[in-house]
């Protein structure tokens, strides 16, 4: 559920005075639960079967997939490190003076084009 939707629900409650009804015993605002309930009803009315995924410990059946993802992340990190090492070797200026000469030539070429 988007934050904008929660704000919209809460601002509508304040306009109608219903905000006091959407709190729990501790006085905490629970309008997001009402909004989730309303959206679920609307989806089911339109023939959509909603599926909600909650945070928490992943199911044991997902263990193989999680191991595969961890292995893939480790390989990607190793490939990135190797690529950065190659890049640092290839693009390290051997002679700083050559950069100054190139800059001078570029400036000369630009000044010739402008004239």
PDB file of N, CA and C in Angstrom:
ATOM      1  N   UNK A   1       0.850  -1.163   0.000  1.00  0.00           N
ATOM      2  CA  UNK A   1       0.000   0.000   0.000  1.00  0.00           C
ATOM      3  C   UNK A   1       0.902   1.235   0.000  1.00  0.00           C
ATOM      4  N   UNK A   2       0.544   2.181  -0.803  1.00  0.00           N
ATOM      5  CA  UNK A   2       1.387   3.365  -0.931  1.00  0.00           C
ATOM      6  C   UNK A   2       1.164   4.341   0.220  1.00  0.00           C
ATOM      7  N   UNK A   3       2.215   5.083   0.505  1.00  0.00           N
ATOM      8  CA  UNK A   3       2.158   6.090   1.559  1.00  0.00           C
ATOM      9  C   UNK A   3       1.142   7.170   1.201  1.00  0.00           C
ATOM     10  N   UNK A   4       1.068   7.504  -0.103  1.00  0.00           N
ATOM     11  CA  UNK A   4       0.122   8.529  -0.554  1.00  0.00           C
ATOM     12  C   UNK A   4      -1.314   8.091  -0.263  1.00  0.00           C
ATOM     13  N   UNK A   5      -1.589   6.792  -0.427  1.00  0.00           N
ATOM     14  CA  UNK A   5      -2.937   6.294  -0.165  1.00  0.00           C
ATOM     15  C   UNK A   5      -3.268   6.408   1.321  1.00  0.00           C
ATOM     16  N   UNK A   6      -2.304   6.075   2.175  1.00  0.00           N
ATOM     17  CA  UNK A   6      -2.522   6.192   3.618  1.00  0.00           C
ATOM     18  C   UNK A   6      -2.815   7.636   3.982  1.00  0.00           C
ATOM     19  N   UNK A   7      -2.063   8.567   3.406  1.00  0.00           N
ATOM     20  CA  UNK A   7      -2.320   9.982   3.680  1.00  0.00           C
ATOM     21  C   UNK A   7      -3.706  10.391   3.220  1.00  0.00           C
ATOM     22  N   UNK A   8      -4.113   9.879   2.057  1.00  0.00           N
ATOM     23  CA  UNK A   8      -5.431  10.220   1.531  1.00  0.00           C
ATOM     24  C   UNK A   8      -6.532   9.691   2.455  1.00  0.00           C
ATOM     25  N   UNK A   9      -6.381   8.473   2.925  1.00  0.00           N
ATOM     26  CA  UNK A   9      -7.380   7.892   3.819  1.00  0.00           C
ATOM     27  C   UNK A   9      -7.451   8.689   5.108  1.00  0.00           C
ATOM     28  N   UNK A  10      -6.300   9.032   5.659  1.00  0.00           N
ATOM     29  CA  UNK A  10      -6.285   9.766   6.929  1.00  0.00           C
ATOM     30  C   UNK A  10      -6.841  11.173   6.775  1.00  0.00           C
ATOM     31  N   UNK A  11      -6.535  11.837   5.650  1.00  0.00           N
ATOM     32  CA  UNK A  11      -7.065  13.189   5.477  1.00  0.00           C
ATOM     33  C   UNK A  11      -8.577  13.156   5.268  1.00  0.00           C
ATOM     34  N   UNK A  12      -9.099  12.126   4.599  1.00  0.00           N
ATOM     35  CA  UNK A  12     -10.543  11.986   4.422  1.00  0.00           C
ATOM     36  C   UNK A  12     -11.228  11.737   5.757  1.00  0.00           C
ATOM     37  N   UNK A  13     -10.555  10.969   6.646  1.00  0.00           N
ATOM     38  CA  UNK A  13     -11.122  10.707   7.966  1.00  0.00           C
ATOM     39  C   UNK A  13     -11.213  11.995   8.778  1.00  0.00           C
ATOM     40  N   UNK A  14     -10.158  12.816   8.695  1.00  0.00           N
ATOM     41  CA  UNK A  14     -10.169  14.067   9.448  1.00  0.00           C
ATOM     42  C   UNK A  14     -11.274  14.994   8.946  1.00  0.00           C
ATOM     43  N   UNK A  15     -11.555  14.950   7.652  1.00  0.00           N
ATOM     44  CA  UNK A  15     -12.593  15.810   7.091  1.00  0.00           C
ATOM     45  C   UNK A  15     -13.979  15.368   7.564  1.00  0.00           C
ATOM     46  N   UNK A  16     -14.158  14.046   7.747  1.00  0.00           N
ATOM     47  CA  UNK A  16     -15.472  13.542   8.145  1.00  0.00           C
ATOM     48  C   UNK A  16     -15.603  13.335   9.649  1.00  0.00           C
ATOM     49  N   UNK A  17     -14.478  13.461  10.362  1.00  0.00           N
ATOM     50  CA  UNK A  17     -14.514  13.255  11.805  1.00  0.00           C
ATOM     51  C   UNK A  17     -14.449  11.796  12.212  1.00  0.00           C
ATOM     52  N   UNK A  18     -14.157  10.895  11.277  1.00  0.00           N
ATOM     53  CA  UNK A  18     -14.123   9.464  11.566  1.00  0.00           C
ATOM     54  C   UNK A  18     -12.761   8.993  12.057  1.00  0.00           C
ATOM     55  N   UNK A  19     -11.812   9.895  12.209  1.00  0.00           N
ATOM     56  CA  UNK A  19     -10.462   9.494  12.581  1.00  0.00           C
ATOM     57  C   UNK A  19     -10.421   8.830  13.942  1.00  0.00           C
ATOM     58  N   UNK A  20     -11.286   9.231  14.849  1.00  0.00           N
ATOM     59  CA  UNK A  20     -11.272   8.640  16.187  1.00  0.00           C
ATOM     60  C   UNK A  20     -11.703   7.179  16.154  1.00  0.00           C
ATOM     61  N   UNK A  21     -12.474   6.771  15.149  1.00  0.00           N
ATOM     62  CA  UNK A  21     -12.921   5.386  15.050  1.00  0.00           C
ATOM     63  C   UNK A  21     -11.803   4.460  14.577  1.00  0.00           C
ATOM     64  N   UNK A  22     -10.802   4.982  13.884  1.00  0.00           N
ATOM     65  CA  UNK A  22      -9.760   4.149  13.307  1.00  0.00           C
ATOM     66  C   UNK A  22      -8.494   4.175  14.153  1.00  0.00           C
ATOM     67  N   UNK A  23      -8.649   3.899  15.437  1.00  0.00           N
ATOM     68  CA  UNK A  23      -7.502   3.780  16.327  1.00  0.00           C
ATOM     69  C   UNK A  23      -7.687   2.519  17.168  1.00  0.00           C
ATOM     70  N   UNK A  24      -6.572   2.011  17.658  1.00  0.00           N
ATOM     71  CA  UNK A  24      -6.668   0.848  18.541  1.00  0.00           C
ATOM     72  C   UNK A  24      -6.829   1.304  19.987  1.00  0.00           C
ATOM     73  N   UNK A  25      -6.795   0.357  20.919  1.00  0.00           N
ATOM     74  CA  UNK A  25      -7.008   0.687  22.327  1.00  0.00           C
ATOM     75  C   UNK A  25      -5.946   1.643  22.863  1.00  0.00           C
ATOM     76  N   UNK A  26      -4.738   1.561  22.289  1.00  0.00           N
ATOM     77  CA  UNK A  26      -3.639   2.418  22.745  1.00  0.00           C
ATOM     78  C   UNK A  26      -3.696   3.803  22.110  1.00  0.00           C
ATOM     79  N   UNK A  27      -4.657   4.033  21.218  1.00  0.00           N
ATOM     80  CA  UNK A  27      -4.779   5.328  20.570  1.00  0.00           C
ATOM     81  C   UNK A  27      -3.948   5.455  19.301  1.00  0.00           C
ATOM     82  N   UNK A  28      -3.322   4.368  18.853  1.00  0.00           N
ATOM     83  CA  UNK A  28      -2.510   4.408  17.630  1.00  0.00           C
ATOM     84  C   UNK A  28      -3.420   4.361  16.410  1.00  0.00           C
ATOM     85  N   UNK A  29      -3.084   5.151  15.401  1.00  0.00           N
ATOM     86  CA  UNK A  29      -3.898   5.221  14.187  1.00  0.00           C
ATOM     87  C   UNK A  29      -3.775   3.906  13.421  1.00  0.00           C
ATOM     88  N   UNK A  30      -4.909   3.362  13.013  1.00  0.00           N
ATOM     89  CA  UNK A  30      -4.931   2.089  12.282  1.00  0.00           C
ATOM     90  C   UNK A  30      -5.666   2.217  10.952  1.00  0.00           C
ATOM     91  N   UNK A  31      -5.708   3.409  10.392  1.00  0.00           N
ATOM     92  CA  UNK A  31      -6.442   3.606   9.141  1.00  0.00           C
ATOM     93  C   UNK A  31      -5.811   2.837   7.991  1.00  0.00           C
ATOM     94  N   UNK A  32      -4.530   2.531   8.087  1.00  0.00           N
ATOM     95  CA  UNK A  32      -3.896   1.765   7.023  1.00  0.00           C
ATOM     96  C   UNK A  32      -4.519   0.364   6.929  1.00  0.00           C
ATOM     97  N   UNK A  33      -4.957  -0.186   8.050  1.00  0.00           N
ATOM     98  CA  UNK A  33      -5.600  -1.503   8.035  1.00  0.00           C
ATOM     99  C   UNK A  33      -6.956  -1.404   7.358  1.00  0.00           C
ATOM    100  N   UNK A  34      -7.692  -0.352   7.658  1.00  0.00           N
ATOM    101  CA  UNK A  34      -8.987  -0.136   7.008  1.00  0.00           C
ATOM    102  C   UNK A  34      -8.799   0.044   5.500  1.00  0.00           C
ATOM    103  N   UNK A  35      -7.766   0.788   5.113  1.00  0.00           N
ATOM    104  CA  UNK A  35      -7.492   0.982   3.695  1.00  0.00           C
ATOM    105  C   UNK A  35      -7.149  -0.324   2.996  1.00  0.00           C
ATOM    106  N   UNK A  36      -6.357  -1.158   3.642  1.00  0.00           N
ATOM    107  CA  UNK A  36      -6.016  -2.467   3.077  1.00  0.00           C
ATOM    108  C   UNK A  36      -7.267  -3.318   2.916  1.00  0.00           C
ATOM    109  N   UNK A  37      -8.122  -3.286   3.916  1.00  0.00           N
ATOM    110  CA  UNK A  37      -9.376  -4.032   3.860  1.00  0.00           C
ATOM    111  C   UNK A  37     -10.250  -3.546   2.706  1.00  0.00           C
ATOM    112  N   UNK A  38     -10.386  -2.220   2.554  1.00  0.00           N
ATOM    113  CA  UNK A  38     -11.217  -1.666   1.471  1.00  0.00           C
ATOM    114  C   UNK A  38     -10.660  -2.023   0.096  1.00  0.00           C
ATOM    115  N   UNK A  39      -9.341  -1.935  -0.054  1.00  0.00           N
ATOM    116  CA  UNK A  39      -8.743  -2.288  -1.349  1.00  0.00           C
ATOM    117  C   UNK A  39      -8.920  -3.767  -1.656  1.00  0.00           C
ATOM    118  N   UNK A  40      -8.817  -4.616  -0.644  1.00  0.00           N
ATOM    119  CA  UNK A  40      -9.005  -6.053  -0.847  1.00  0.00           C
ATOM    120  C   UNK A  40     -10.426  -6.335  -1.318  1.00  0.00           C
ATOM    121  N   UNK A  41     -11.396  -5.715  -0.693  1.00  0.00           N
ATOM    122  CA  UNK A  41     -12.801  -5.908  -1.097  1.00  0.00           C
ATOM    123  C   UNK A  41     -12.991  -5.451  -2.539  1.00  0.00           C
ATOM    124  N   UNK A  42     -12.413  -4.284  -2.893  1.00  0.00           N
ATOM    125  CA  UNK A  42     -12.561  -3.766  -4.256  1.00  0.00           C
ATOM    126  C   UNK A  42     -11.937  -4.718  -5.280  1.00  0.00           C
ATOM    127  N   UNK A  43     -10.754  -5.261  -4.966  1.00  0.00           N
ATOM    128  CA  UNK A  43     -10.116  -6.200  -5.898  1.00  0.00           C
ATOM    129  C   UNK A  43     -10.958  -7.458  -6.056  1.00  0.00           C
ATOM    130  N   UNK A  44     -11.456  -8.003  -4.945  1.00  0.00           N
ATOM    131  CA  UNK A  44     -12.239  -9.234  -5.011  1.00  0.00           C
ATOM    132  C   UNK A  44     -13.553  -9.011  -5.755  1.00  0.00           C
ATOM    133  N   UNK A  45     -14.130  -7.828  -5.610  1.00  0.00           N
ATOM    134  CA  UNK A  45     -15.354  -7.494  -6.331  1.00  0.00           C
ATOM    135  C   UNK A  45     -15.115  -7.479  -7.839  1.00  0.00           C
ATOM    136  N   UNK A  46     -13.909  -7.091  -8.236  1.00  0.00           N
ATOM    137  CA  UNK A  46     -13.555  -7.038  -9.661  1.00  0.00           C
ATOM    138  C   UNK A  46     -12.944  -8.339 -10.166  1.00  0.00           C
ATOM    139  N   UNK A  47     -13.027  -9.401  -9.382  1.00  0.00           N
ATOM    140  CA  UNK A  47     -12.554 -10.706  -9.827  1.00  0.00           C
ATOM    141  C   UNK A  47     -11.058 -10.937  -9.662  1.00  0.00           C
ATOM    142  N   UNK A  48     -10.395 -10.094  -8.912  1.00  0.00           N
ATOM    143  CA  UNK A  48      -8.952 -10.239  -8.684  1.00  0.00           C
ATOM    144  C   UNK A  48      -8.751 -10.960  -7.363  1.00  0.00           C
ATOM    145  N   UNK A  49      -7.900 -11.990  -7.382  1.00  0.00           N
ATOM    146  CA  UNK A  49      -7.573 -12.700  -6.147  1.00  0.00           C
ATOM    147  C   UNK A  49      -6.266 -12.143  -5.598  1.00  0.00           C
ATOM    148  N   UNK A  50      -6.342 -11.334  -4.558  1.00  0.00           N
ATOM    149  CA  UNK A  50      -5.118 -10.735  -4.022  1.00  0.00           C
ATOM    150  C   UNK A  50      -4.251 -11.767  -3.296  1.00  0.00           C
ATOM    151  N   UNK A  51      -2.953 -11.562  -3.382  1.00  0.00           N
ATOM    152  CA  UNK A  51      -1.992 -12.386  -2.661  1.00  0.00           C
ATOM    153  C   UNK A  51      -1.130 -11.428  -1.851  1.00  0.00           C
ATOM    154  N   UNK A  52      -1.053 -11.641  -0.561  1.00  0.00           N
ATOM    155  CA  UNK A  52      -0.274 -10.775   0.316  1.00  0.00           C
ATOM    156  C   UNK A  52       0.934 -11.548   0.823  1.00  0.00           C
ATOM    157  N   UNK A  53       2.079 -10.905   0.782  1.00  0.00           N
ATOM    158  CA  UNK A  53       3.321 -11.497   1.254  1.00  0.00           C
ATOM    159  C   UNK A  53       3.776 -10.698   2.465  1.00  0.00           C
ATOM    160  N   UNK A  54       4.036 -11.386   3.552  1.00  0.00           N
ATOM    161  CA  UNK A  54       4.433 -10.730   4.793  1.00  0.00           C
ATOM    162  C   UNK A  54       5.897 -10.996   5.080  1.00  0.00           C
ATOM    163  N   UNK A  55       6.545 -10.028   5.716  1.00  0.00           N
ATOM    164  CA  UNK A  55       7.939 -10.192   6.109  1.00  0.00           C
ATOM    165  C   UNK A  55       8.041 -11.254   7.191  1.00  0.00           C
ATOM    166  N   UNK A  56       9.212 -11.797   7.305  1.00  0.00           N
ATOM    167  CA  UNK A  56       9.450 -12.802   8.328  1.00  0.00           C
ATOM    168  C   UNK A  56      10.418 -13.841   7.813  1.00  0.00           C
ATOM    169  N   UNK A  57      10.559 -14.890   8.559  1.00  0.00           N
ATOM    170  CA  UNK A  57      11.460 -15.966   8.178  1.00  0.00           C
ATOM    171  C   UNK A  57      10.928 -16.644   6.917  1.00  0.00           C
ATOM    172  N   UNK A  58      11.792 -16.833   5.896  1.00  0.00           N
ATOM    173  CA  UNK A  58      11.324 -17.477   4.668  1.00  0.00           C
ATOM    174  C   UNK A  58      11.005 -18.952   4.906  1.00  0.00           C
ATOM    175  N   UNK A  59      10.086 -19.503   4.140  1.00  0.00           N
ATOM    176  CA  UNK A  59       9.742 -20.913   4.300  1.00  0.00           C
ATOM    177  C   UNK A  59      10.927 -21.817   3.932  1.00  0.00           C
ATOM    178  N   UNK A  60      10.941 -23.012   4.483  1.00  0.00           N
ATOM    179  CA  UNK A  60      12.055 -23.944   4.232  1.00  0.00           C
ATOM    180  C   UNK A  60      12.129 -24.343   2.763  1.00  0.00           C
ATOM    181  N   UNK A  61      11.012 -24.363   2.074  1.00  0.00           N
ATOM    182  CA  UNK A  61      11.023 -24.722   0.648  1.00  0.00           C
ATOM    183  C   UNK A  61      11.813 -23.725  -0.191  1.00  0.00           C
ATOM    184  N   UNK A  62      12.000 -22.524   0.315  1.00  0.00           N
ATOM    185  CA  UNK A  62      12.705 -21.490  -0.436  1.00  0.00           C
ATOM    186  C   UNK A  62      14.218 -21.534  -0.177  1.00  0.00           C
ATOM    187  N   UNK A  63      14.682 -22.444   0.661  1.00  0.00           N
ATOM    188  CA  UNK A  63      16.095 -22.524   1.037  1.00  0.00           C
ATOM    189  C   UNK A  63      17.036 -22.651  -0.148  1.00  0.00           C
ATOM    190  N   UNK A  64      16.697 -23.501  -1.107  1.00  0.00           N
ATOM    191  CA  UNK A  64      17.540 -23.681  -2.288  1.00  0.00           C
ATOM    192  C   UNK A  64      17.658 -22.412  -3.117  1.00  0.00           C
ATOM    193  N   UNK A  65      16.556 -21.721  -3.268  1.00  0.00           N
ATOM    194  CA  UNK A  65      16.561 -20.467  -4.032  1.00  0.00           C
ATOM    195  C   UNK A  65      17.394 -19.403  -3.320  1.00  0.00           C
ATOM    196  N   UNK A  66      17.274 -19.330  -2.005  1.00  0.00           N
ATOM    197  CA  UNK A  66      18.059 -18.348  -1.252  1.00  0.00           C
ATOM    198  C   UNK A  66      19.549 -18.639  -1.352  1.00  0.00           C
ATOM    199  N   UNK A  67      19.929 -19.922  -1.306  1.00  0.00           N
ATOM    200  CA  UNK A  67      21.340 -20.296  -1.441  1.00  0.00           C
ATOM    201  C   UNK A  67      21.858 -19.923  -2.826  1.00  0.00           C
ATOM    202  N   UNK A  68      21.034 -20.130  -3.848  1.00  0.00           N
ATOM    203  CA  UNK A  68      21.427 -19.784  -5.213  1.00  0.00           C
ATOM    204  C   UNK A  68      21.627 -18.272  -5.354  1.00  0.00           C
ATOM    205  N   UNK A  69      20.748 -17.494  -4.735  1.00  0.00           N
ATOM    206  CA  UNK A  69      20.877 -16.034  -4.798  1.00  0.00           C
ATOM    207  C   UNK A  69      22.140 -15.559  -4.072  1.00  0.00           C
ATOM    208  N   UNK A  70      22.426 -16.161  -2.910  1.00  0.00           N
ATOM    209  CA  UNK A  70      23.626 -15.791  -2.163  1.00  0.00           C
ATOM    210  C   UNK A  70      24.878 -16.095  -2.978  1.00  0.00           C
ATOM    211  N   UNK A  71      24.895 -17.254  -3.621  1.00  0.00           N
ATOM    212  CA  UNK A  71      26.034 -17.641  -4.463  1.00  0.00           C
ATOM    213  C   UNK A  71      26.176 -16.668  -5.638  1.00  0.00           C
ATOM    214  N   UNK A  72      25.062 -16.286  -6.234  1.00  0.00           N
ATOM    215  CA  UNK A  72      25.091 -15.336  -7.348  1.00  0.00           C
ATOM    216  C   UNK A  72      25.612 -13.971  -6.928  1.00  0.00           C
ATOM    217  N   UNK A  73      25.210 -13.506  -5.743  1.00  0.00           N
ATOM    218  CA  UNK A  73      25.702 -12.220  -5.240  1.00  0.00           C
ATOM    219  C   UNK A  73      27.204 -12.269  -4.984  1.00  0.00           C
ATOM    220  N   UNK A  74      27.683 -13.391  -4.435  1.00  0.00           N
ATOM    221  CA  UNK A  74      29.118 -13.525  -4.166  1.00  0.00           C
ATOM    222  C   UNK A  74      29.904 -13.522  -5.483  1.00  0.00           C
ATOM    223  N   UNK A  75      29.392 -14.208  -6.496  1.00  0.00           N
ATOM    224  CA  UNK A  75      30.062 -14.231  -7.795  1.00  0.00           C
ATOM    225  C   UNK A  75      30.064 -12.845  -8.425  1.00  0.00           C
ATOM    226  N   UNK A  76      28.948 -12.126  -8.332  1.00  0.00           N
ATOM    227  CA  UNK A  76      28.871 -10.783  -8.898  1.00  0.00           C
ATOM    228  C   UNK A  76      29.852  -9.845  -8.204  1.00  0.00           C
ATOM    229  N   UNK A  77      29.994  -9.973  -6.887  1.00  0.00           N
ATOM    230  CA  UNK A  77      30.937  -9.127  -6.143  1.00  0.00           C
ATOM    231  C   UNK A  77      32.375  -9.435  -6.562  1.00  0.00           C
ATOM    232  N   UNK A  78      32.691 -10.726  -6.760  1.00  0.00           N
ATOM    233  CA  UNK A  78      34.040 -11.105  -7.195  1.00  0.00           C
ATOM    234  C   UNK A  78      34.313 -10.606  -8.610  1.00  0.00           C
ATOM    235  N   UNK A  79      33.323 -10.712  -9.498  1.00  0.00           N
ATOM    236  CA  UNK A  79      33.482 -10.214 -10.872  1.00  0.00           C
ATOM    237  C   UNK A  79      33.680  -8.710 -10.887  1.00  0.00           C
ATOM    238  N   UNK A  80      32.959  -7.993 -10.037  1.00  0.00           N
ATOM    239  CA  UNK A  80      33.105  -6.544  -9.966  1.00  0.00           C
ATOM    240  C   UNK A  80      34.500  -6.164  -9.501  1.00  0.00           C
ATOM    241  N   UNK A  81      34.983  -6.859  -8.494  1.00  0.00           N
ATOM    242  CA  UNK A  81      36.321  -6.564  -7.983  1.00  0.00           C
ATOM    243  C   UNK A  81      37.377  -6.812  -9.056  1.00  0.00           C
ATOM    244  N   UNK A  82      37.254  -7.912  -9.790  1.00  0.00           N
ATOM    245  CA  UNK A  82      38.201  -8.220 -10.858  1.00  0.00           C
ATOM    246  C   UNK A  82      38.133  -7.163 -11.960  1.00  0.00           C
ATOM    247  N   UNK A  83      36.933  -6.733 -12.313  1.00  0.00           N
ATOM    248  CA  UNK A  83      36.778  -5.717 -13.357  1.00  0.00           C
ATOM    249  C   UNK A  83      37.381  -4.389 -12.923  1.00  0.00           C
ATOM    250  N   UNK A  84      37.210  -4.030 -11.646  1.00  0.00           N
ATOM    251  CA  UNK A  84      37.790  -2.779 -11.151  1.00  0.00           C
ATOM    252  C   UNK A  84      39.316  -2.832 -11.164  1.00  0.00           C
ATOM    253  N   UNK A  85      39.892  -4.018 -10.870  1.00  0.00           N
ATOM    254  CA  UNK A  85      41.352  -4.164 -10.918  1.00  0.00           C
ATOM    255  C   UNK A  85      41.863  -4.004 -12.350  1.00  0.00           C
ATOM    256  N   UNK A  86      41.177  -4.621 -13.305  1.00  0.00           N
ATOM    257  CA  UNK A  86      41.575  -4.502 -14.720  1.00  0.00           C
ATOM    258  C   UNK A  86      41.466  -3.058 -15.169  1.00  0.00           C
ATOM    259  N   UNK A  87      40.381  -2.407 -14.798  1.00  0.00           N
ATOM    260  CA  UNK A  87      40.191  -1.010 -15.186  1.00  0.00           C
ATOM    261  C   UNK A  87      41.289  -0.125 -14.616  1.00  0.00           C
ATOM    262  N   UNK A  88      41.644  -0.366 -13.356  1.00  0.00           N
ATOM    263  CA  UNK A  88      42.682   0.472 -12.747  1.00  0.00           C
ATOM    264  C   UNK A  88      44.031   0.262 -13.426  1.00  0.00           C
ATOM    265  N   UNK A  89      44.296  -0.951 -13.935  1.00  0.00           N
ATOM    266  CA  UNK A  89      45.560  -1.197 -14.648  1.00  0.00           C
ATOM    267  C   UNK A  89      45.537  -0.578 -16.045  1.00  0.00           C
ATOM    268  N   UNK A  90      44.392  -0.647 -16.718  1.00  0.00           N
ATOM    269  CA  UNK A  90      44.307  -0.156 -18.093  1.00  0.00           C
ATOM    270  C   UNK A  90      44.268   1.363 -18.185  1.00  0.00           C
ATOM    271  N   UNK A  91      43.622   2.005 -17.242  1.00  0.00           N
ATOM    272  CA  UNK A  91      43.407   3.447 -17.344  1.00  0.00           C
ATOM    273  C   UNK A  91      44.297   4.267 -16.432  1.00  0.00           C
ATOM    274  N   UNK A  92      45.354   3.650 -15.935  1.00  0.00           N
ATOM    275  CA  UNK A  92      46.303   4.399 -15.116  1.00  0.00           C
ATOM    276  C   UNK A  92      47.233   5.162 -16.059  1.00  0.00           C
ATOM    277  N   UNK A  93      47.309   6.476 -15.949  1.00  0.00           N
ATOM    278  CA  UNK A  93      48.193   7.226 -16.853  1.00  0.00           C
ATOM    279  C   UNK A  93      49.658   6.879 -16.579  1.00  0.00           C
ATOM    280  N   UNK A  94      50.347   6.426 -17.631  1.00  0.00           N
ATOM    281  CA  UNK A  94      51.754   6.041 -17.484  1.00  0.00           C
ATOM    282  C   UNK A  94      52.630   7.270 -17.325  1.00  0.00           C
ATOM    283  N   UNK A  95      52.322   8.326 -18.071  1.00  0.00           N
ATOM    284  CA  UNK A  95      53.139   9.538 -18.040  1.00  0.00           C
ATOM    285  C   UNK A  95      52.237  10.736 -17.847  1.00  0.00           C
ATOM    286  N   UNK A  96      52.263  11.349 -16.696  1.00  0.00           N
ATOM    287  CA  UNK A  96      51.410  12.519 -16.473  1.00  0.00           C
ATOM    288  C   UNK A  96      51.707  13.651 -17.444  1.00  0.00           C
ATOM    289  N   UNK A  97      52.931  13.714 -17.952  1.00  0.00           N
ATOM    290  CA  UNK A  97      53.291  14.767 -18.894  1.00  0.00           C
ATOM    291  C   UNK A  97      52.479  14.638 -20.172  1.00  0.00           C
ATOM    292  N   UNK A  98      52.191  13.395 -20.597  1.00  0.00           N
ATOM    293  CA  UNK A  98      51.446  13.212 -21.841  1.00  0.00           C
ATOM    294  C   UNK A  98      50.051  13.822 -21.725  1.00  0.00           C
ATOM    295  N   UNK A  99      49.461  13.815 -20.535  1.00  0.00           N
ATOM    296  CA  UNK A  99      48.165  14.438 -20.356  1.00  0.00           C
ATOM    297  C   UNK A  99      48.247  15.950 -20.564  1.00  0.00           C
ATOM    298  N   UNK A 100      49.325  16.557 -20.085  1.00  0.00           N
ATOM    299  CA  UNK A 100      49.502  17.993 -20.265  1.00  0.00           C
ATOM    300  C   UNK A 100      49.690  18.322 -21.735  1.00  0.00           C
ATOM    301  N   UNK A 101      50.456  17.495 -22.456  1.00  0.00           N
ATOM    302  CA  UNK A 101      50.671  17.718 -23.890  1.00  0.00           C
ATOM    303  C   UNK A 101      49.363  17.582 -24.643  1.00  0.00           C
ATOM    304  N   UNK A 102      48.568  16.555 -24.301  1.00  0.00           N
ATOM    305  CA  UNK A 102      47.277  16.379 -24.963  1.00  0.00           C
ATOM    306  C   UNK A 102      46.373  17.578 -24.696  1.00  0.00           C
ATOM    307  N   UNK A 103      46.381  18.077 -23.485  1.00  0.00           N
ATOM    308  CA  UNK A 103      45.558  19.238 -23.154  1.00  0.00           C
ATOM    309  C   UNK A 103      46.007  20.455 -23.939  1.00  0.00           C
ATOM    310  N   UNK A 104      47.330  20.630 -24.079  1.00  0.00           N
ATOM    311  CA  UNK A 104      47.854  21.752 -24.834  1.00  0.00           C
ATOM    312  C   UNK A 104      47.442  21.643 -26.296  1.00  0.00           C
ATOM    313  N   UNK A 105      47.553  20.425 -26.859  1.00  0.00           N
ATOM    314  CA  UNK A 105      47.166  20.230 -28.264  1.00  0.00           C
ATOM    315  C   UNK A 105      45.673  20.482 -28.464  1.00  0.00           C
ATOM    316  N   UNK A 106      44.859  20.035 -27.528  1.00  0.00           N
ATOM    317  CA  UNK A 106      43.414  20.256 -27.635  1.00  0.00           C
ATOM    318  C   UNK A 106      43.100  21.742 -27.575  1.00  0.00           C
ATOM    319  N   UNK A 107      43.749  22.458 -26.677  1.00  0.00           N
ATOM    320  CA  UNK A 107      43.527  23.898 -26.567  1.00  0.00           C
ATOM    321  C   UNK A 107      43.975  24.610 -27.838  1.00  0.00           C
ATOM    322  N   UNK A 108      45.091  24.167 -28.404  1.00  0.00           N
ATOM    323  CA  UNK A 108      45.576  24.766 -29.654  1.00  0.00           C
ATOM    324  C   UNK A 108      44.598  24.501 -30.782  1.00  0.00           C
ATOM    325  N   UNK A 109      44.097  23.275 -30.867  1.00  0.00           N
ATOM    326  CA  UNK A 109      43.153  22.931 -31.934  1.00  0.00           C
ATOM    327  C   UNK A 109      41.869  23.741 -31.799  1.00  0.00           C
ATOM    328  N   UNK A 110      41.403  23.919 -30.598  1.00  0.00           N
ATOM    329  CA  UNK A 110      40.175  24.713 -30.384  1.00  0.00           C
ATOM    330  C   UNK A 110      40.412  26.174 -30.759  1.00  0.00           C
ATOM    331  N   UNK A 111      41.567  26.697 -30.386  1.00  0.00           N
ATOM    332  CA  UNK A 111      41.831  28.110 -30.725  1.00  0.00           C
ATOM    333  C   UNK A 111      41.942  28.295 -32.237  1.00  0.00           C
ATOM    334  N   UNK A 112      42.475  27.295 -32.958  1.00  0.00           N
ATOM    335  CA  UNK A 112      42.548  27.383 -34.412  1.00  0.00           C
ATOM    336  C   UNK A 112      41.159  27.322 -35.049  1.00  0.00           C
ATOM    337  N   UNK A 113      40.291  26.522 -34.483  1.00  0.00           N
ATOM    338  CA  UNK A 113      38.938  26.421 -35.020  1.00  0.00           C
ATOM    339  C   UNK A 113      38.135  27.692 -34.802  1.00  0.00           C
ATOM    340  N   UNK A 114      38.381  28.359 -33.690  1.00  0.00           N
ATOM    341  CA  UNK A 114      37.638  29.573 -33.371  1.00  0.00           C
ATOM    342  C   UNK A 114      38.042  30.727 -34.285  1.00  0.00           C
ATOM    343  N   UNK A 115      39.334  30.776 -34.637  1.00  0.00           N
ATOM    344  CA  UNK A 115      39.827  31.915 -35.466  1.00  0.00           C
ATOM    345  C   UNK A 115      39.310  31.906 -36.845  1.00  0.00           C
TER     346      UNK A 115
END
